[in-house]
N, C-alpha and C. Protein backbone atom coordinates (compact mmCIF):
# COMPACT_ATOMS: atom_id res chain seq x y z
N MET A 1 -77.17 285.17 44.96
CA MET A 1 -77.93 286.57 44.93
C MET A 1 -77.07 286.73 46.79
N GLY A 2 -77.20 286.23 47.35
CA GLY A 2 -77.73 286.61 48.58
C GLY A 2 -77.37 287.71 49.08
N ASN A 3 -79.23 288.32 49.11
CA ASN A 3 -78.64 289.42 48.99
C ASN A 3 -79.10 290.13 50.76
N VAL A 4 -78.08 290.89 50.74
CA VAL A 4 -77.90 291.12 52.43
C VAL A 4 -78.11 292.99 52.07
N VAL A 5 -79.18 293.42 53.01
CA VAL A 5 -80.56 294.52 52.57
C VAL A 5 -80.33 294.83 54.24
N SER A 6 -80.99 296.69 54.46
CA SER A 6 -81.35 296.81 55.43
C SER A 6 -82.72 296.98 55.47
N ALA A 7 -83.07 297.28 56.96
CA ALA A 7 -84.06 296.84 56.95
C ALA A 7 -85.45 298.17 56.40
N SER A 8 -85.03 298.91 55.55
CA SER A 8 -85.65 300.03 54.91
C SER A 8 -85.71 299.65 53.42
N GLU A 9 -85.23 298.47 53.50
CA GLU A 9 -85.06 298.24 51.73
C GLU A 9 -85.48 297.04 51.47
N LEU A 10 -86.45 295.96 52.29
CA LEU A 10 -87.28 295.16 53.04
C LEU A 10 -88.32 295.24 50.87
N GLY A 11 -88.81 296.33 51.74
CA GLY A 11 -89.84 296.37 50.66
C GLY A 11 -90.15 296.59 49.08
N ASP A 12 -88.72 296.77 48.86
CA ASP A 12 -88.28 297.49 47.93
C ASP A 12 -88.40 295.43 47.03
N PHE A 13 -87.97 294.05 47.71
CA PHE A 13 -88.24 293.12 47.55
C PHE A 13 -88.92 291.95 48.04
N VAL A 14 -90.17 292.60 48.05
CA VAL A 14 -91.07 291.71 47.93
C VAL A 14 -91.86 292.16 47.02
N GLY A 15 -92.22 290.25 46.55
CA GLY A 15 -93.26 289.99 45.01
C GLY A 15 -92.00 289.17 44.26
N LYS A 16 -90.93 289.47 44.87
CA LYS A 16 -89.36 289.40 43.56
C LYS A 16 -88.30 288.06 44.35
N GLU A 17 -87.69 287.53 43.30
CA GLU A 17 -86.94 286.50 43.39
C GLU A 17 -85.84 287.45 44.19
N VAL A 18 -85.12 286.46 45.20
CA VAL A 18 -83.85 286.93 45.99
C VAL A 18 -83.00 286.15 45.95
N GLY A 19 -83.11 284.50 45.84
CA GLY A 19 -82.00 283.60 45.82
C GLY A 19 -82.82 282.32 44.88
N VAL A 20 -81.66 281.65 44.24
CA VAL A 20 -81.71 280.58 43.37
C VAL A 20 -80.12 279.73 44.11
N THR A 21 -80.48 278.14 44.42
CA THR A 21 -79.38 277.44 45.10
C THR A 21 -78.78 277.48 43.85
N ASP A 22 -77.31 276.70 44.39
CA ASP A 22 -76.53 275.38 43.78
C ASP A 22 -77.61 274.02 43.30
N TRP A 23 -77.30 272.91 42.96
CA TRP A 23 -77.87 272.00 42.83
C TRP A 23 -77.42 271.02 44.29
N ILE A 24 -77.87 270.46 44.60
CA ILE A 24 -77.39 269.04 45.76
C ILE A 24 -78.09 267.65 45.06
N GLU A 25 -77.38 266.86 45.52
CA GLU A 25 -77.18 265.51 45.22
C GLU A 25 -78.01 264.58 46.13
N ILE A 26 -79.39 264.51 46.18
CA ILE A 26 -79.97 263.49 47.30
C ILE A 26 -79.38 261.62 46.91
N ASP A 27 -78.74 261.42 47.45
CA ASP A 27 -78.53 260.43 47.59
C ASP A 27 -78.05 259.32 48.64
N GLN A 28 -78.23 257.55 48.52
CA GLN A 28 -78.70 256.99 49.42
C GLN A 28 -78.55 257.46 50.36
N GLN A 29 -77.59 257.39 50.90
CA GLN A 29 -77.15 257.63 52.32
C GLN A 29 -78.33 258.76 52.99
N ARG A 30 -77.49 260.23 52.15
CA ARG A 30 -78.57 261.08 52.46
C ARG A 30 -80.16 260.29 53.04
N ILE A 31 -80.45 259.61 52.24
CA ILE A 31 -82.10 259.45 52.64
C ILE A 31 -81.60 258.36 53.80
N ASN A 32 -81.19 257.59 53.88
CA ASN A 32 -80.76 256.37 54.72
C ASN A 32 -80.59 257.03 56.10
N GLN A 33 -79.71 258.08 56.75
CA GLN A 33 -80.02 258.88 58.02
C GLN A 33 -80.84 259.56 57.79
N PHE A 34 -81.54 260.30 57.47
CA PHE A 34 -82.81 260.49 57.43
C PHE A 34 -83.69 259.38 57.61
N ALA A 35 -83.93 258.98 57.40
CA ALA A 35 -84.67 257.33 57.90
C ALA A 35 -84.39 257.42 59.70
N ASP A 36 -83.28 257.23 59.96
CA ASP A 36 -82.41 256.34 60.75
C ASP A 36 -82.93 257.67 61.92
N ALA A 37 -82.63 258.53 61.25
CA ALA A 37 -82.74 260.31 62.35
C ALA A 37 -84.16 260.33 62.59
N THR A 38 -85.12 259.91 61.92
CA THR A 38 -86.55 259.99 62.37
C THR A 38 -87.41 258.60 62.60
N GLY A 39 -86.77 257.49 62.02
CA GLY A 39 -87.36 256.37 62.43
C GLY A 39 -88.50 255.96 61.21
N ASP A 40 -88.48 256.61 60.28
CA ASP A 40 -89.05 256.78 59.40
C ASP A 40 -88.89 255.25 58.22
N HIS A 41 -88.63 254.24 58.09
CA HIS A 41 -87.59 253.15 57.41
C HIS A 41 -88.68 252.51 56.18
N GLN A 42 -89.47 253.42 55.65
CA GLN A 42 -90.31 252.70 54.78
C GLN A 42 -89.72 252.50 53.71
N TYR A 43 -90.03 251.36 53.21
CA TYR A 43 -89.23 250.61 51.89
C TYR A 43 -89.16 251.48 50.94
N ILE A 44 -89.90 252.69 50.44
CA ILE A 44 -89.66 253.05 49.15
C ILE A 44 -88.69 254.56 49.46
N HIS A 45 -88.16 254.38 50.63
CA HIS A 45 -87.01 255.16 50.99
C HIS A 45 -85.54 254.49 51.34
N VAL A 46 -85.65 253.42 52.28
CA VAL A 46 -84.56 252.65 52.35
C VAL A 46 -84.31 250.74 51.44
N ASP A 47 -85.06 250.83 51.10
CA ASP A 47 -85.38 248.99 50.27
C ASP A 47 -85.51 249.34 48.51
N PRO A 48 -83.74 249.65 48.01
CA PRO A 48 -83.83 249.85 46.80
C PRO A 48 -84.19 248.06 45.79
N GLU A 49 -84.00 247.27 46.67
CA GLU A 49 -84.78 246.37 45.74
C GLU A 49 -85.79 246.16 45.56
N ARG A 50 -87.05 246.65 47.01
CA ARG A 50 -88.64 246.43 46.94
C ARG A 50 -88.86 247.87 46.45
N ALA A 51 -88.15 249.07 46.02
CA ALA A 51 -88.99 249.87 45.86
C ALA A 51 -88.79 250.51 44.49
N ALA A 52 -87.91 249.29 43.33
CA ALA A 52 -87.83 249.03 42.19
C ALA A 52 -88.71 248.40 41.63
N LYS A 53 -89.66 248.00 41.98
CA LYS A 53 -91.15 247.31 41.89
C LYS A 53 -92.18 247.96 42.08
N THR A 54 -91.51 249.24 42.36
CA THR A 54 -92.99 250.54 42.42
C THR A 54 -93.04 251.03 41.28
N PRO A 55 -94.43 252.17 40.96
CA PRO A 55 -94.34 253.39 40.06
C PRO A 55 -93.07 253.78 39.89
N PHE A 56 -92.55 254.39 41.22
CA PHE A 56 -91.03 255.36 41.24
C PHE A 56 -89.87 254.81 40.77
N GLY A 57 -89.30 253.42 41.13
CA GLY A 57 -88.62 252.42 39.86
C GLY A 57 -87.00 252.69 40.93
N THR A 58 -87.32 253.25 42.02
CA THR A 58 -86.41 253.65 42.91
C THR A 58 -86.73 253.82 43.83
N THR A 59 -85.65 254.39 44.62
CA THR A 59 -86.28 254.89 46.18
C THR A 59 -86.45 256.52 46.55
N ILE A 60 -87.56 256.73 46.66
CA ILE A 60 -87.60 258.35 46.87
C ILE A 60 -87.16 258.72 48.44
N ALA A 61 -86.81 260.19 48.38
CA ALA A 61 -85.99 261.01 49.23
C ALA A 61 -87.55 261.55 50.07
N HIS A 62 -87.55 261.35 51.13
CA HIS A 62 -88.91 261.15 52.56
C HIS A 62 -89.37 263.04 51.87
N GLY A 63 -90.52 263.52 51.91
CA GLY A 63 -90.62 264.67 51.99
C GLY A 63 -90.37 265.04 52.77
N PHE A 64 -90.27 265.48 53.87
CA PHE A 64 -90.17 265.77 55.18
C PHE A 64 -88.29 265.83 55.02
N LEU A 65 -88.00 265.24 54.31
CA LEU A 65 -86.17 265.27 53.95
C LEU A 65 -86.28 266.48 53.18
N THR A 66 -86.93 266.51 51.99
CA THR A 66 -86.82 267.88 50.81
C THR A 66 -86.48 268.90 51.84
N LEU A 67 -88.32 268.99 52.34
CA LEU A 67 -88.35 270.34 53.05
C LEU A 67 -87.25 270.49 54.08
N SER A 68 -86.95 269.49 55.06
CA SER A 68 -86.29 269.78 56.04
C SER A 68 -84.81 270.81 55.43
N LEU A 69 -84.32 270.16 54.12
CA LEU A 69 -83.25 270.77 53.30
C LEU A 69 -83.59 272.64 52.76
N MET A 70 -84.67 272.76 52.86
CA MET A 70 -84.85 274.48 52.67
C MET A 70 -83.85 274.97 54.12
N SER A 71 -82.96 274.63 54.86
CA SER A 71 -82.61 275.39 55.83
C SER A 71 -81.71 275.79 55.61
N MET A 72 -80.64 274.47 55.31
CA MET A 72 -79.41 274.53 54.26
C MET A 72 -79.74 275.10 53.66
N LEU A 73 -80.19 275.04 52.23
CA LEU A 73 -80.16 275.82 51.36
C LEU A 73 -80.19 277.40 51.07
N SER A 74 -81.17 277.47 52.38
CA SER A 74 -81.28 279.09 52.26
C SER A 74 -80.00 279.43 52.84
N ALA A 75 -79.49 278.88 53.66
CA ALA A 75 -77.63 279.49 54.37
C ALA A 75 -76.91 279.83 53.07
N LYS A 76 -77.14 278.67 51.94
CA LYS A 76 -76.67 279.04 50.99
C LYS A 76 -76.68 280.11 49.83
N ASN A 77 -78.00 280.46 49.28
CA ASN A 77 -77.95 281.57 48.33
C ASN A 77 -79.79 281.65 48.46
N GLY A 78 -79.79 281.46 49.99
CA GLY A 78 -81.95 281.83 49.66
C GLY A 78 -82.46 283.10 50.23
N GLY A 79 -82.85 283.54 49.77
CA GLY A 79 -83.44 284.57 50.74
C GLY A 79 -82.89 285.71 50.71
N ILE A 80 -83.63 286.74 51.69
CA ILE A 80 -83.05 287.92 51.81
C ILE A 80 -82.50 287.88 53.40
N LYS A 81 -81.35 288.68 53.34
CA LYS A 81 -80.14 288.73 55.24
C LYS A 81 -80.87 290.22 55.04
N LEU A 82 -80.85 289.95 56.51
CA LEU A 82 -81.28 291.94 57.32
C LEU A 82 -79.48 292.13 58.08
N GLU A 83 -79.00 293.43 57.28
CA GLU A 83 -78.00 293.33 58.44
C GLU A 83 -78.07 293.71 59.54
N ASN A 84 -77.31 293.60 60.20
CA ASN A 84 -76.93 293.86 61.63
C ASN A 84 -77.89 292.47 62.02
N THR A 85 -78.13 291.64 61.61
CA THR A 85 -79.13 290.32 62.26
C THR A 85 -78.05 289.72 63.57
N VAL A 86 -78.76 289.70 64.82
CA VAL A 86 -78.31 288.89 65.67
C VAL A 86 -78.36 287.38 65.19
N MET A 87 -79.69 287.25 65.06
CA MET A 87 -80.54 285.31 65.38
C MET A 87 -81.09 285.11 64.45
N GLY A 88 -82.24 284.99 63.65
CA GLY A 88 -82.75 284.03 62.67
C GLY A 88 -83.42 283.11 63.42
N ILE A 89 -85.23 282.60 63.54
CA ILE A 89 -85.96 281.77 63.72
C ILE A 89 -86.47 281.79 62.93
N ASN A 90 -86.63 279.94 63.01
CA ASN A 90 -87.83 279.65 61.64
C ASN A 90 -88.74 279.89 62.84
N TYR A 91 -90.07 280.19 62.13
CA TYR A 91 -91.25 280.45 62.86
C TYR A 91 -92.19 279.68 62.31
N GLY A 92 -92.43 278.49 60.67
CA GLY A 92 -93.31 277.81 60.79
C GLY A 92 -93.24 278.23 59.77
N LEU A 93 -94.71 277.83 58.82
CA LEU A 93 -94.84 277.34 57.91
C LEU A 93 -96.15 277.45 57.37
N ASP A 94 -96.80 278.48 56.41
CA ASP A 94 -97.91 278.97 56.10
C ASP A 94 -98.54 277.77 55.37
N LYS A 95 -97.86 276.89 54.34
CA LYS A 95 -98.10 275.70 53.80
C LYS A 95 -97.17 275.23 52.75
N VAL A 96 -97.24 274.01 53.09
CA VAL A 96 -96.40 273.24 52.00
C VAL A 96 -96.98 272.11 51.14
N ARG A 97 -96.76 272.39 49.92
CA ARG A 97 -97.58 271.19 49.65
C ARG A 97 -96.14 269.92 48.73
N PHE A 98 -96.26 269.40 48.79
CA PHE A 98 -95.43 267.87 48.22
C PHE A 98 -95.86 267.69 46.64
N ILE A 99 -95.60 268.04 45.66
CA ILE A 99 -95.90 267.61 44.62
C ILE A 99 -95.19 266.09 43.54
N ASN A 100 -93.57 266.29 43.63
CA ASN A 100 -93.08 265.35 42.41
C ASN A 100 -92.11 264.95 43.93
N PRO A 101 -92.14 263.80 43.94
CA PRO A 101 -91.33 262.71 44.71
C PRO A 101 -89.47 262.96 44.05
N VAL A 102 -88.64 263.25 45.03
CA VAL A 102 -87.46 263.35 44.67
C VAL A 102 -86.61 261.52 44.41
N LYS A 103 -86.40 261.22 43.51
CA LYS A 103 -85.48 260.05 43.16
C LYS A 103 -84.37 260.21 43.90
N VAL A 104 -83.46 258.89 44.07
CA VAL A 104 -82.27 258.65 44.51
C VAL A 104 -81.28 259.17 43.19
N GLY A 105 -80.40 259.88 43.61
CA GLY A 105 -79.59 259.93 42.54
C GLY A 105 -79.82 261.34 41.44
N LYS A 106 -80.97 262.05 41.89
CA LYS A 106 -81.35 263.48 41.62
C LYS A 106 -80.59 264.85 42.56
N LYS A 107 -80.51 265.81 41.86
CA LYS A 107 -80.53 266.16 42.27
C LYS A 107 -81.19 268.03 42.23
N ILE A 108 -81.48 268.61 43.56
CA ILE A 108 -82.53 269.26 43.48
C ILE A 108 -81.81 270.88 43.63
N ARG A 109 -82.26 271.98 43.72
CA ARG A 109 -82.37 273.56 44.17
C ARG A 109 -83.24 274.17 44.57
N ALA A 110 -82.77 275.11 45.29
CA ALA A 110 -84.05 275.91 45.61
C ALA A 110 -84.21 277.70 45.15
N ARG A 111 -85.56 277.71 44.58
CA ARG A 111 -85.99 279.12 44.34
C ARG A 111 -86.61 279.80 45.99
N PHE A 112 -86.18 281.43 45.84
CA PHE A 112 -87.07 281.82 47.07
C PHE A 112 -87.23 283.14 46.95
N GLN A 113 -89.04 283.56 47.15
CA GLN A 113 -89.58 284.88 46.22
C GLN A 113 -89.97 285.54 48.09
N LEU A 114 -89.81 286.45 47.82
CA LEU A 114 -89.96 287.21 49.04
C LEU A 114 -91.11 287.55 48.95
N ALA A 115 -92.14 286.93 49.45
CA ALA A 115 -93.47 287.24 49.32
C ALA A 115 -94.07 288.43 51.03
N SER A 116 -93.35 288.53 51.75
CA SER A 116 -93.70 289.66 52.37
C SER A 116 -92.93 290.17 53.74
N ALA A 117 -92.94 291.18 54.43
CA ALA A 117 -91.17 291.41 55.15
C ALA A 117 -92.37 292.34 56.08
N GLU A 118 -92.21 292.39 57.66
CA GLU A 118 -92.87 292.69 58.44
C GLU A 118 -92.10 293.03 59.78
N GLU A 119 -92.20 294.62 60.26
CA GLU A 119 -91.89 294.74 61.83
C GLU A 119 -92.75 294.19 62.76
N LYS A 120 -92.49 293.24 63.25
CA LYS A 120 -93.36 292.46 64.65
C LYS A 120 -93.67 293.19 65.15
N LYS A 121 -92.03 293.21 65.78
CA LYS A 121 -92.24 294.42 67.43
C LYS A 121 -90.75 295.39 66.72
N PRO A 122 -90.20 295.79 67.73
CA PRO A 122 -89.32 296.43 67.25
C PRO A 122 -87.90 295.87 67.24
N LYS A 123 -87.41 295.87 65.95
CA LYS A 123 -85.90 295.18 65.90
C LYS A 123 -86.59 293.37 65.72
N HIS A 124 -87.29 292.90 65.11
CA HIS A 124 -88.14 291.84 64.70
C HIS A 124 -88.81 291.91 63.38
N TYR A 125 -88.12 290.85 62.22
CA TYR A 125 -88.57 291.10 61.07
C TYR A 125 -89.28 290.26 60.66
N LEU A 126 -90.91 289.62 60.50
CA LEU A 126 -91.31 288.57 59.81
C LEU A 126 -90.98 288.71 58.58
N MET A 127 -90.49 287.66 58.14
CA MET A 127 -90.00 287.30 56.90
C MET A 127 -91.03 286.16 55.91
N LYS A 128 -91.94 286.21 54.76
CA LYS A 128 -92.34 285.26 54.20
C LYS A 128 -91.75 284.75 53.03
N HIS A 129 -91.16 283.35 52.34
CA HIS A 129 -90.16 282.75 51.70
C HIS A 129 -91.32 282.12 50.96
N ASN A 130 -91.91 282.30 49.73
CA ASN A 130 -92.14 281.57 49.00
C ASN A 130 -90.95 280.47 48.39
N VAL A 131 -90.81 279.26 48.83
CA VAL A 131 -90.07 278.65 48.32
C VAL A 131 -90.20 277.44 47.26
N THR A 132 -89.59 276.75 46.37
CA THR A 132 -89.81 276.37 45.43
C THR A 132 -88.37 275.44 45.11
N ILE A 133 -89.02 274.18 45.68
CA ILE A 133 -88.00 272.99 45.39
C ILE A 133 -87.85 272.44 44.29
N GLU A 134 -86.55 272.64 43.26
CA GLU A 134 -87.03 272.02 41.53
C GLU A 134 -86.01 271.05 41.83
N ILE A 135 -86.23 269.99 40.92
CA ILE A 135 -85.51 268.81 40.65
C ILE A 135 -84.89 268.84 39.12
N ASP A 136 -83.34 268.68 39.26
CA ASP A 136 -82.74 268.94 37.65
C ASP A 136 -83.68 268.25 36.81
N GLY A 137 -83.70 268.56 35.63
CA GLY A 137 -83.93 268.04 34.45
C GLY A 137 -85.81 267.21 34.79
N GLU A 138 -86.56 268.17 35.97
CA GLU A 138 -88.39 267.90 35.88
C GLU A 138 -89.12 268.89 35.73
N ASP A 139 -90.10 268.47 34.92
CA ASP A 139 -91.01 270.05 35.20
C ASP A 139 -91.44 270.61 36.27
N LYS A 140 -92.16 269.27 37.25
CA LYS A 140 -92.58 269.34 38.34
C LYS A 140 -91.91 269.62 39.37
N PRO A 141 -91.71 270.91 40.45
CA PRO A 141 -90.94 270.80 41.36
C PRO A 141 -91.22 269.41 42.29
N ALA A 142 -90.09 269.26 42.89
CA ALA A 142 -90.49 268.36 44.33
C ALA A 142 -91.04 269.04 45.14
N LEU A 143 -91.11 270.12 45.95
CA LEU A 143 -92.38 270.73 46.34
C LEU A 143 -92.51 272.05 46.65
N ILE A 144 -93.34 273.01 47.09
CA ILE A 144 -93.26 274.26 47.25
C ILE A 144 -94.04 275.22 48.53
N ALA A 145 -93.47 275.50 49.03
CA ALA A 145 -93.78 275.98 50.54
C ALA A 145 -94.10 277.08 50.81
N GLU A 146 -94.70 278.02 51.74
CA GLU A 146 -94.36 279.12 52.48
C GLU A 146 -93.85 279.57 53.45
N TRP A 147 -92.53 280.05 53.90
CA TRP A 147 -91.99 279.78 54.44
C TRP A 147 -91.42 280.75 55.79
N LEU A 148 -91.74 281.02 57.30
CA LEU A 148 -91.62 282.41 57.79
C LEU A 148 -90.79 282.12 58.81
N GLY A 149 -90.28 283.29 58.48
CA GLY A 149 -88.57 283.56 59.71
C GLY A 149 -88.78 284.34 59.88
N MET A 150 -88.37 284.78 61.50
CA MET A 150 -88.43 285.84 62.09
C MET A 150 -86.94 286.69 62.15
N THR A 151 -86.38 287.30 62.47
CA THR A 151 -85.26 288.10 62.02
C THR A 151 -85.07 288.75 62.97
N VAL A 152 -84.06 288.99 64.39
CA VAL A 152 -83.51 289.50 65.40
C VAL A 152 -82.69 290.52 64.32
N VAL A 153 -82.19 291.93 64.33
CA VAL A 153 -81.63 292.90 64.08
C VAL A 153 -81.25 293.15 65.11
N ALA A 154 -80.05 293.51 65.56
CA ALA A 154 -79.45 294.66 66.77
C ALA A 154 -79.61 295.96 66.76
């Protein structure tokens, strides 16, 4: 969708799905790079032989890796974008739940619903998106999150 709207139109989108991304594959290289970046080398993420003996049957992505991909996914087709945006600032999360592990080789995508939008001070809009990270071929999503972003407009 890639919704670019004026600030006066924001209210029209509250409660509506405003973006669905394409699928991206979570491969072992991405998982290993995240492990190196964070220092989290737990075997369920980086040791395919040991992970094969767990109930997962293979390595899984770090929950925080999946969460961190929301930024990249939102840039590809997620959420509302305001006209005349100067910058967007990650403002935080109200809620995150890791529901289902992402096994290596699986594909994920994100769905974005605009939950709220408010002008906090002139030209500064706080928007909350409900984000669901889906796993291709699975009933349960990888995670759900209430994600806050501050958009500054010219």
